[in-house]
Amino acid sequence: MDNKEQQQERPMAEGEERQETVENGGEKKSRPNWLSRILGGEVLQSRAVVRQIPLIILLCFYAIMLVYNRYRVEDLMKTKTVLQDSITYLRETRIELQKRYQETIKISQIEELLDSTGVGIKAGPPYELSKERDKR
């Protein structure tokens, strides 16, 4: 009993782990109280963690960039699908307009337009072929 009282009265030194003794059938087991060290902030004061702060900051920066890139790519993919739909719509509209244009402009309509101006179109070749010329 005297030994237990000394352990309870003695203050903990820096870096020393608090241990609890558990009696289990006359056997003593000790386990570190790591949860209280983490919640109390002792872990953040240790030298090993303080030396690694630049690395921790770098990893946090990379994590933020990873999340940002994910959202940026999703936004670009949405924009891409909207633009592709727009391109498809414009192609269909162009084809419809082209069909309408081709229907309105036929040879007969062009001929009528030219006749009204007085130019006219000859239906035949520019010169006549004769059998006599072919024999010579």
C-alpha atoms as a PDB file:
ATOM      1  CA  MET A   1       0.000   0.000   0.000  1.00  0.00           C
ATOM      2  CA  ASP A   2       2.833   2.318   0.739  1.00  0.00           C
ATOM      3  CA  ASN A   3       4.105   1.953  -2.832  1.00  0.00           C
ATOM      4  CA  LYS A   4       0.706   2.956  -4.292  1.00  0.00           C
ATOM      5  CA  GLU A   5       0.551   6.080  -2.159  1.00  0.00           C
ATOM      6  CA  GLN A   6       4.017   7.132  -3.351  1.00  0.00           C
ATOM      7  CA  GLN A   7       2.965   6.747  -6.972  1.00  0.00           C
ATOM      8  CA  GLN A   8      -0.141   8.835  -6.447  1.00  0.00           C
ATOM      9  CA  GLU A   9       1.668  11.650  -4.605  1.00  0.00           C
ATOM     10  CA  ARG A  10       4.621  11.873  -6.961  1.00  0.00           C
ATOM     11  CA  PRO A  11       4.063  14.432  -9.790  1.00  0.00           C
ATOM     12  CA  MET A  12       4.474  13.217 -13.367  1.00  0.00           C
ATOM     13  CA  ALA A  13       7.666  14.207 -15.154  1.00  0.00           C
ATOM     14  CA  GLU A  14       7.524  15.588 -18.704  1.00  0.00           C
ATOM     15  CA  GLY A  15       7.170  12.829 -21.283  1.00  0.00           C
ATOM     16  CA  GLU A  16       6.353  10.228 -18.650  1.00  0.00           C
ATOM     17  CA  GLU A  17       3.350   8.072 -19.368  1.00  0.00           C
ATOM     18  CA  ARG A  18       0.657   7.706 -16.802  1.00  0.00           C
ATOM     19  CA  GLN A  19       0.011   4.075 -16.153  1.00  0.00           C
ATOM     20  CA  GLU A  20      -2.913   2.445 -14.492  1.00  0.00           C
ATOM     21  CA  THR A  21      -2.552  -0.806 -12.681  1.00  0.00           C
ATOM     22  CA  VAL A  22      -5.266  -3.325 -13.077  1.00  0.00           C
ATOM     23  CA  GLU A  23      -5.414  -6.282 -10.800  1.00  0.00           C
ATOM     24  CA  ASN A  24      -6.761  -9.304 -12.527  1.00  0.00           C
ATOM     25  CA  GLY A  25      -6.516 -12.439 -10.470  1.00  0.00           C
ATOM     26  CA  GLY A  26      -3.482 -11.184  -8.590  1.00  0.00           C
ATOM     27  CA  GLU A  27      -1.771 -10.166 -11.824  1.00  0.00           C
ATOM     28  CA  LYS A  28      -0.892  -6.496 -12.454  1.00  0.00           C
ATOM     29  CA  LYS A  29      -1.179  -5.079 -15.962  1.00  0.00           C
ATOM     30  CA  SER A  30      -0.237  -1.551 -16.873  1.00  0.00           C
ATOM     31  CA  ARG A  31      -1.528   0.357 -19.876  1.00  0.00           C
ATOM     32  CA  PRO A  32      -0.664   3.858 -21.017  1.00  0.00           C
ATOM     33  CA  ASN A  33      -3.324   6.497 -20.779  1.00  0.00           C
ATOM     34  CA  TRP A  34      -2.864   7.609 -24.399  1.00  0.00           C
ATOM     35  CA  LEU A  35      -6.360   8.962 -24.791  1.00  0.00           C
ATOM     36  CA  SER A  36      -5.866  11.538 -22.062  1.00  0.00           C
ATOM     37  CA  ARG A  37      -2.515  12.528 -23.641  1.00  0.00           C
ATOM     38  CA  ILE A  38      -4.152  13.159 -27.007  1.00  0.00           C
ATOM     39  CA  LEU A  39      -7.123  15.023 -25.593  1.00  0.00           C
ATOM     40  CA  GLY A  40      -4.960  17.002 -23.185  1.00  0.00           C
ATOM     41  CA  GLY A  41      -2.692  18.237 -25.975  1.00  0.00           C
ATOM     42  CA  GLU A  42       0.532  16.682 -24.712  1.00  0.00           C
ATOM     43  CA  VAL A  43       1.040  14.954 -28.056  1.00  0.00           C
ATOM     44  CA  LEU A  44       1.126  18.267 -29.912  1.00  0.00           C
ATOM     45  CA  GLN A  45       3.849  19.570 -27.592  1.00  0.00           C
ATOM     46  CA  SER A  46       6.252  16.696 -28.202  1.00  0.00           C
ATOM     47  CA  ARG A  47       9.368  17.414 -30.235  1.00  0.00           C
ATOM     48  CA  ALA A  48       8.635  14.799 -32.865  1.00  0.00           C
ATOM     49  CA  VAL A  49       5.342  16.461 -33.764  1.00  0.00           C
ATOM     50  CA  VAL A  50       6.764  19.986 -33.663  1.00  0.00           C
ATOM     51  CA  ARG A  51       9.518  18.978 -36.093  1.00  0.00           C
ATOM     52  CA  GLN A  52       6.947  17.557 -38.507  1.00  0.00           C
ATOM     53  CA  ILE A  53       4.721  20.666 -38.629  1.00  0.00           C
ATOM     54  CA  PRO A  54       5.962  21.762 -42.109  1.00  0.00           C
ATOM     55  CA  LEU A  55       5.186  18.279 -43.445  1.00  0.00           C
ATOM     56  CA  ILE A  56       1.745  18.334 -41.834  1.00  0.00           C
ATOM     57  CA  ILE A  57       1.035  21.737 -43.377  1.00  0.00           C
ATOM     58  CA  LEU A  58       2.192  20.457 -46.784  1.00  0.00           C
ATOM     59  CA  LEU A  59      -0.064  17.419 -46.516  1.00  0.00           C
ATOM     60  CA  CYS A  60      -3.012  19.639 -45.563  1.00  0.00           C
ATOM     61  CA  PHE A  61      -2.278  21.839 -48.585  1.00  0.00           C
ATOM     62  CA  TYR A  62      -2.211  18.765 -50.849  1.00  0.00           C
ATOM     63  CA  ALA A  63      -5.501  17.554 -49.380  1.00  0.00           C
ATOM     64  CA  ILE A  64      -7.111  20.948 -50.037  1.00  0.00           C
ATOM     65  CA  MET A  65      -5.781  20.965 -53.605  1.00  0.00           C
ATOM     66  CA  LEU A  66      -7.093  17.424 -54.150  1.00  0.00           C
ATOM     67  CA  VAL A  67     -10.595  18.418 -53.055  1.00  0.00           C
ATOM     68  CA  TYR A  68     -10.443  21.636 -55.110  1.00  0.00           C
ATOM     69  CA  ASN A  69      -9.354  19.720 -58.227  1.00  0.00           C
ATOM     70  CA  ARG A  70     -12.157  17.221 -57.752  1.00  0.00           C
ATOM     71  CA  TYR A  71     -14.793  19.966 -57.683  1.00  0.00           C
ATOM     72  CA  ARG A  72     -13.136  21.799 -60.576  1.00  0.00           C
ATOM     73  CA  VAL A  73     -13.155  18.670 -62.761  1.00  0.00           C
ATOM     74  CA  GLU A  74     -16.811  18.031 -61.930  1.00  0.00           C
ATOM     75  CA  ASP A  75     -17.631  21.613 -62.912  1.00  0.00           C
ATOM     76  CA  LEU A  76     -15.703  21.271 -66.174  1.00  0.00           C
ATOM     77  CA  MET A  77     -17.449  17.991 -66.972  1.00  0.00           C
ATOM     78  CA  LYS A  78     -20.853  19.637 -66.463  1.00  0.00           C
ATOM     79  CA  THR A  79     -19.825  22.504 -68.729  1.00  0.00           C
ATOM     80  CA  LYS A  80     -18.562  20.034 -71.319  1.00  0.00           C
ATOM     81  CA  THR A  81     -21.844  18.124 -71.405  1.00  0.00           C
ATOM     82  CA  VAL A  82     -23.822  21.374 -71.755  1.00  0.00           C
ATOM     83  CA  LEU A  83     -21.593  22.483 -74.638  1.00  0.00           C
ATOM     84  CA  GLN A  84     -21.828  19.103 -76.344  1.00  0.00           C
ATOM     85  CA  ASP A  85     -25.616  19.250 -76.142  1.00  0.00           C
ATOM     86  CA  SER A  86     -25.488  22.754 -77.581  1.00  0.00           C
ATOM     87  CA  ILE A  87     -23.262  21.596 -80.452  1.00  0.00           C
ATOM     88  CA  THR A  88     -25.619  18.717 -81.202  1.00  0.00           C
ATOM     89  CA  TYR A  89     -28.591  21.092 -81.257  1.00  0.00           C
ATOM     90  CA  LEU A  90     -26.773  23.529 -83.550  1.00  0.00           C
ATOM     91  CA  ARG A  91     -25.807  20.748 -85.970  1.00  0.00           C
ATOM     92  CA  GLU A  92     -29.400  19.551 -86.155  1.00  0.00           C
ATOM     93  CA  THR A  93     -30.600  23.112 -86.723  1.00  0.00           C
ATOM     94  CA  ARG A  94     -28.011  23.622 -89.473  1.00  0.00           C
ATOM     95  CA  ILE A  95     -29.120  20.456 -91.238  1.00  0.00           C
ATOM     96  CA  GLU A  96     -32.780  21.550 -91.094  1.00  0.00           C
ATOM     97  CA  LEU A  97     -31.928  25.007 -92.455  1.00  0.00           C
ATOM     98  CA  GLN A  98     -29.786  23.472 -95.180  1.00  0.00           C
ATOM     99  CA  LYS A  99     -32.687  21.244 -96.272  1.00  0.00           C
ATOM    100  CA  ARG A 100     -35.014  24.232 -96.406  1.00  0.00           C
ATOM    101  CA  TYR A 101     -32.465  26.207 -98.416  1.00  0.00           C
ATOM    102  CA  GLN A 102     -31.929  23.371-100.875  1.00  0.00           C
ATOM    103  CA  GLU A 103     -35.672  22.974-101.351  1.00  0.00           C
ATOM    104  CA  THR A 104     -36.127  26.659-102.143  1.00  0.00           C
ATOM    105  CA  ILE A 105     -33.210  26.888-104.509  1.00  0.00           C
ATOM    106  CA  LYS A 106     -33.757  24.448-107.302  1.00  0.00           C
ATOM    107  CA  ILE A 107     -32.623  24.752-110.865  1.00  0.00           C
ATOM    108  CA  SER A 108     -36.079  25.678-112.057  1.00  0.00           C
ATOM    109  CA  GLN A 109     -36.339  28.481-109.554  1.00  0.00           C
ATOM    110  CA  ILE A 110     -32.914  29.770-110.493  1.00  0.00           C
ATOM    111  CA  GLU A 111     -33.926  29.680-114.160  1.00  0.00           C
ATOM    112  CA  GLU A 112     -37.063  31.666-113.425  1.00  0.00           C
ATOM    113  CA  LEU A 113     -35.057  34.259-111.519  1.00  0.00           C
ATOM    114  CA  LEU A 114     -32.569  34.606-114.369  1.00  0.00           C
ATOM    115  CA  ASP A 115     -35.326  34.828-117.004  1.00  0.00           C
ATOM    116  CA  SER A 116     -36.937  37.661-115.102  1.00  0.00           C
ATOM    117  CA  THR A 117     -33.662  39.571-115.301  1.00  0.00           C
ATOM    118  CA  GLY A 118     -33.267  38.797-119.009  1.00  0.00           C
ATOM    119  CA  VAL A 119     -30.138  36.650-118.790  1.00  0.00           C
ATOM    120  CA  GLY A 120     -31.629  33.213-119.510  1.00  0.00           C
ATOM    121  CA  ILE A 121     -30.019  29.763-119.448  1.00  0.00           C
ATOM    122  CA  LYS A 122     -29.424  27.571-122.471  1.00  0.00           C
ATOM    123  CA  ALA A 123     -30.385  23.997-121.912  1.00  0.00           C
ATOM    124  CA  GLY A 124     -27.998  22.544-124.481  1.00  0.00           C
ATOM    125  CA  PRO A 125     -24.252  22.530-124.916  1.00  0.00           C
ATOM    126  CA  PRO A 126     -22.525  25.726-126.033  1.00  0.00           C
ATOM    127  CA  TYR A 127     -21.972  24.368-129.559  1.00  0.00           C
ATOM    128  CA  GLU A 128     -23.661  21.762-131.737  1.00  0.00           C
ATOM    129  CA  LEU A 129     -21.995  18.540-132.675  1.00  0.00           C
ATOM    130  CA  SER A 130     -22.472  17.311-136.181  1.00  0.00           C
ATOM    131  CA  LYS A 131     -21.692  13.999-137.806  1.00  0.00           C
ATOM    132  CA  GLU A 132     -19.765  15.630-140.598  1.00  0.00           C
ATOM    133  CA  ARG A 133     -17.207  17.120-138.257  1.00  0.00           C
ATOM    134  CA  ASP A 134     -16.635  13.754-136.602  1.00  0.00           C
ATOM    135  CA  LYS A 135     -15.872  12.118-140.001  1.00  0.00           C
ATOM    136  CA  ARG A 136     -13.229  14.604-141.011  1.00  0.00           C
END
